[in-house]
Every structure is written in structure tokens, then in C-alpha cells.
Amino acid sequence: MQRTGFRFYYVFMIAALLAIIIFVFRMPHSVSILPQSLSSFFEDTIGVGATTTPFVKIGDTAIQVEIASSTSAVKKGLSGMPSLDPKSGMLFVFSEPAIYRFWMPDMYFPIDIIWIGADKKISGIAADVSNEFDPENPRFYTAPQPVRYVLEVNAGFAKKKGISTGTVVQFNNIE
């Protein structure tokens, strides 16, 4: 009797597996969040699953970002992080355009700071910002004009990728 229940369990599991396989293969190939060419681009550029991960695109460069929008996240920023993935950055999102001041306490690596206006155009770049910090004489970095977004990436990233002022930034899975 026990053997019959065991067989039933395996027959049921095989039937369920076949039903799932048939369902998946019968789905239209057009079902996708993004066109195949874009999905492939983002998977190749910033990794599998990137279509649901927040990222910005500047020209041909996709950058996976961590969002800092709360007061505590903005204050902390990248401070205390030992490093930053070469294809990643931190995007600070502010509710109002203004001239925000950034500084480098507890930073372990230099960065580029990319200032982005409410119109999502790059208004300035502070390149190769040193991680050295003097608490008695701190250095502050500010945008050349009011901005709503600030993107921090590894030092040299903007130059290496040809990122310049005036370029439009595309936001994906953000806000």
C-alpha cells in the first residue's frame, strides 16, 4: 500500500513538471519586459537580472546604481565602503534642485562626482576626487548649478567612458 502512494507522488510530480514545461514553451516569444536586443545589452553590460535593477545609461554606458534618497542614506553615501564595483555607482536623488555640498569623510577610494540637473543632463563632473580627508580643513565639492541628482562612480570612470557635460542621462527602474 505504501508503494502505491509513493508511485502516485512520482507520477504527480512528473505530470506537474511536464505541465510547467508545456506552459513555458507555449508562451509567445514576444513576452518580455524589454526587446531581446536591449535585454541582451543590459545583461552583457551590467549583469543578469539588470532589467529589474536600478541603473542609469549615459551614452552607451549602463551603470547599475544604489539609490540614496533618504536623509540617512544621503549622509552616509559611500563612506565606509571598502570599494565600488567598476560597473556600479551610487545615485543620490533629491526632491528639489539645489546646490548640494559633498565631502569625503571615511572614504577608502577616490571617485568621480557627476552632477545631473532636473532635466537629466550632466551639468558638471568633479573628476578624480581624492579620498584623503582632513577633518580640521575639510574640502567640499559642489555642483556648478542646482542639480537634482548626483552620481558617484570610481575615479577615472567618466574620462574612461567619455562622459561629458551636456549629455542626457537615462534613468531606468528609478523613482
Protein backbone atom coordinates (compact mmCIF):
# COMPACT_ATOMS: atom_id res chain seq x y z
CA MET A 1 0.00 0.00 0.00
CA GLN A 2 2.79 2.37 0.87
CA ARG A 3 4.43 1.68 -2.50
CA THR A 4 1.26 2.78 -4.35
CA GLY A 5 1.32 6.17 -2.56
CA PHE A 6 4.99 6.51 -3.48
CA ARG A 7 4.23 5.84 -7.16
CA PHE A 8 1.35 8.31 -7.12
CA TYR A 9 3.67 11.01 -5.75
CA TYR A 10 6.20 10.48 -8.56
CA VAL A 11 3.52 10.33 -11.29
CA PHE A 12 2.01 13.54 -9.93
CA MET A 13 5.41 15.31 -9.81
CA ILE A 14 6.27 14.25 -13.38
CA ALA A 15 2.86 15.42 -14.65
CA ALA A 16 3.27 18.77 -12.89
CA LEU A 17 6.76 19.21 -14.35
CA LEU A 18 5.50 18.40 -17.85
CA ALA A 19 2.63 20.88 -17.45
CA ILE A 20 5.10 23.62 -16.47
CA ILE A 21 7.38 22.81 -19.41
CA ILE A 22 4.48 22.85 -21.87
CA PHE A 23 3.22 26.15 -20.45
CA VAL A 24 6.64 27.82 -20.72
CA PHE A 25 7.26 26.65 -24.29
CA ARG A 26 3.76 27.62 -25.45
CA MET A 27 4.19 31.24 -24.26
CA PRO A 28 4.59 33.70 -27.12
CA HIS A 29 8.22 34.66 -27.68
CA SER A 30 7.24 38.32 -27.67
CA VAL A 31 6.54 38.24 -23.92
CA SER A 32 9.41 40.25 -22.48
CA ILE A 33 9.90 43.36 -20.41
CA LEU A 34 12.40 44.66 -22.97
CA PRO A 35 13.11 43.77 -26.56
CA GLN A 36 15.64 40.96 -26.83
CA SER A 37 18.38 43.25 -28.13
CA LEU A 38 18.02 45.55 -25.10
CA SER A 39 17.79 42.66 -22.64
CA SER A 40 20.99 41.20 -24.08
CA PHE A 41 22.70 44.58 -23.97
CA PHE A 42 21.94 45.08 -20.28
CA GLU A 43 22.79 41.52 -19.33
CA ASP A 44 26.11 41.81 -21.17
CA THR A 45 26.81 45.28 -19.81
CA ILE A 46 25.79 45.12 -16.17
CA GLY A 47 24.81 41.53 -15.47
CA VAL A 48 21.92 39.11 -15.50
CA GLY A 49 18.74 40.46 -13.95
CA ALA A 50 19.67 44.04 -14.76
CA THR A 51 16.25 44.73 -16.26
CA THR A 52 14.79 44.99 -12.72
CA THR A 53 17.82 46.63 -11.09
CA PRO A 54 18.07 50.42 -10.91
CA PHE A 55 20.55 51.75 -13.46
CA VAL A 56 21.40 54.84 -15.41
CA LYS A 57 22.55 54.95 -19.00
CA ILE A 58 24.92 57.63 -20.20
CA GLY A 59 25.58 57.28 -23.92
CA ASP A 60 26.39 53.59 -24.42
CA THR A 61 27.38 53.09 -20.78
CA ALA A 62 24.94 51.42 -18.38
CA ILE A 63 25.73 51.86 -14.68
CA GLN A 64 23.97 49.81 -12.04
CA VAL A 65 23.22 52.13 -9.11
CA GLU A 66 22.37 52.01 -5.47
CA ILE A 67 19.84 54.73 -4.68
CA ALA A 68 20.42 57.16 -1.81
CA SER A 69 17.32 59.27 -1.25
CA SER A 70 16.63 59.16 2.49
CA THR A 71 18.43 61.63 4.76
CA SER A 72 20.46 58.87 6.42
CA ALA A 73 21.45 57.25 3.10
CA VAL A 74 22.49 60.62 1.65
CA LYS A 75 24.60 61.41 4.74
CA LYS A 76 26.32 58.03 4.63
CA GLY A 77 26.80 57.82 0.87
CA LEU A 78 29.80 55.63 0.01
CA SER A 79 31.53 56.35 3.33
CA GLY A 80 32.86 53.22 4.96
CA MET A 81 32.58 51.08 1.83
CA PRO A 82 35.88 49.34 1.05
CA SER A 83 35.40 49.56 -2.73
CA LEU A 84 32.92 50.05 -5.54
CA ASP A 85 32.26 47.62 -8.38
CA PRO A 86 33.71 49.05 -11.63
CA LYS A 87 30.28 48.92 -13.35
CA SER A 88 28.36 50.42 -10.42
CA GLY A 89 27.74 53.70 -8.68
CA MET A 90 25.61 55.46 -6.11
CA LEU A 91 22.85 57.79 -7.27
CA PHE A 92 21.72 60.49 -4.86
CA VAL A 93 18.14 61.56 -5.56
CA PHE A 94 16.94 64.85 -4.10
CA SER A 95 13.37 66.13 -4.09
CA GLU A 96 14.33 69.65 -5.18
CA PRO A 97 17.10 71.02 -7.40
CA ALA A 98 19.75 72.84 -5.33
CA ILE A 99 23.49 73.17 -4.96
CA TYR A 100 24.39 70.29 -2.65
CA ARG A 101 27.78 70.00 -0.91
CA PHE A 102 29.65 66.70 -0.84
CA TRP A 103 32.71 65.78 1.17
CA MET A 104 34.83 62.67 1.68
CA PRO A 105 34.93 61.56 5.35
CA ASP A 106 35.57 57.81 5.87
CA MET A 107 36.14 57.18 2.16
CA TYR A 108 38.52 54.39 1.15
CA PHE A 109 38.82 55.14 -2.56
CA PRO A 110 38.74 58.16 -4.90
CA ILE A 111 35.64 58.87 -7.01
CA ASP A 112 34.20 60.92 -9.85
CA ILE A 113 31.16 63.01 -8.91
CA ILE A 114 28.75 63.56 -11.78
CA TRP A 115 26.24 66.38 -11.26
CA ILE A 116 22.87 65.86 -13.03
CA GLY A 117 20.17 68.52 -13.32
CA ALA A 118 16.42 68.09 -13.06
CA ASP A 119 16.40 67.91 -16.87
CA LYS A 120 18.61 64.79 -16.53
CA LYS A 121 21.54 66.42 -18.32
CA ILE A 122 25.05 66.33 -16.87
CA SER A 123 25.87 69.84 -15.65
CA GLY A 124 29.34 69.11 -14.30
CA ILE A 125 31.89 66.48 -13.32
CA ALA A 126 34.30 66.55 -10.38
CA ALA A 127 36.88 64.07 -11.66
CA ASP A 128 39.33 62.06 -9.56
CA VAL A 129 38.13 63.37 -6.20
CA SER A 130 40.66 62.24 -3.60
CA ASN A 131 39.56 60.14 -0.66
CA GLU A 132 42.03 61.94 1.64
CA PHE A 133 40.12 63.84 4.32
CA ASP A 134 41.34 66.47 6.77
CA PRO A 135 38.67 66.97 9.47
CA GLU A 136 40.24 70.28 10.50
CA ASN A 137 40.13 71.63 6.95
CA PRO A 138 37.52 69.61 5.01
CA ARG A 139 37.19 70.12 1.30
CA PHE A 140 33.67 70.41 -0.12
CA TYR A 141 32.60 69.63 -3.70
CA THR A 142 29.62 71.46 -5.18
CA ALA A 143 27.78 71.42 -8.49
CA PRO A 144 28.26 74.34 -10.89
CA GLN A 145 24.48 74.92 -10.82
CA PRO A 146 21.44 73.47 -9.00
CA VAL A 147 21.06 69.71 -9.51
CA ARG A 148 18.52 67.09 -8.55
CA TYR A 149 20.77 64.04 -8.94
CA VAL A 150 24.37 63.24 -8.11
CA LEU A 151 26.11 60.11 -9.39
CA GLU A 152 29.27 58.83 -7.70
CA VAL A 153 31.44 56.32 -9.58
CA ASN A 154 35.04 55.15 -9.34
CA ALA A 155 37.71 57.76 -10.10
CA GLY A 156 38.57 57.92 -13.80
CA PHE A 157 35.26 56.34 -14.87
CA ALA A 158 33.92 59.49 -16.57
CA LYS A 159 37.11 60.02 -18.58
CA LYS A 160 37.43 56.33 -19.49
CA LYS A 161 33.82 56.19 -20.74
CA GLY A 162 33.90 59.59 -22.48
CA ILE A 163 31.21 61.06 -20.21
CA SER A 164 30.94 64.84 -20.53
CA THR A 165 28.73 67.77 -19.57
CA GLY A 166 25.55 68.26 -21.56
CA THR A 167 25.00 64.52 -22.04
CA VAL A 168 21.48 63.26 -21.27
CA VAL A 169 21.23 60.55 -18.60
CA GLN A 170 18.52 57.88 -18.96
CA PHE A 171 17.04 56.61 -15.69
CA ASN A 172 15.73 53.02 -15.50
CA ASN A 173 13.86 51.50 -12.55
CA ILE A 174 14.47 54.68 -10.55
CA GLU A 175 11.81 56.73 -8.70
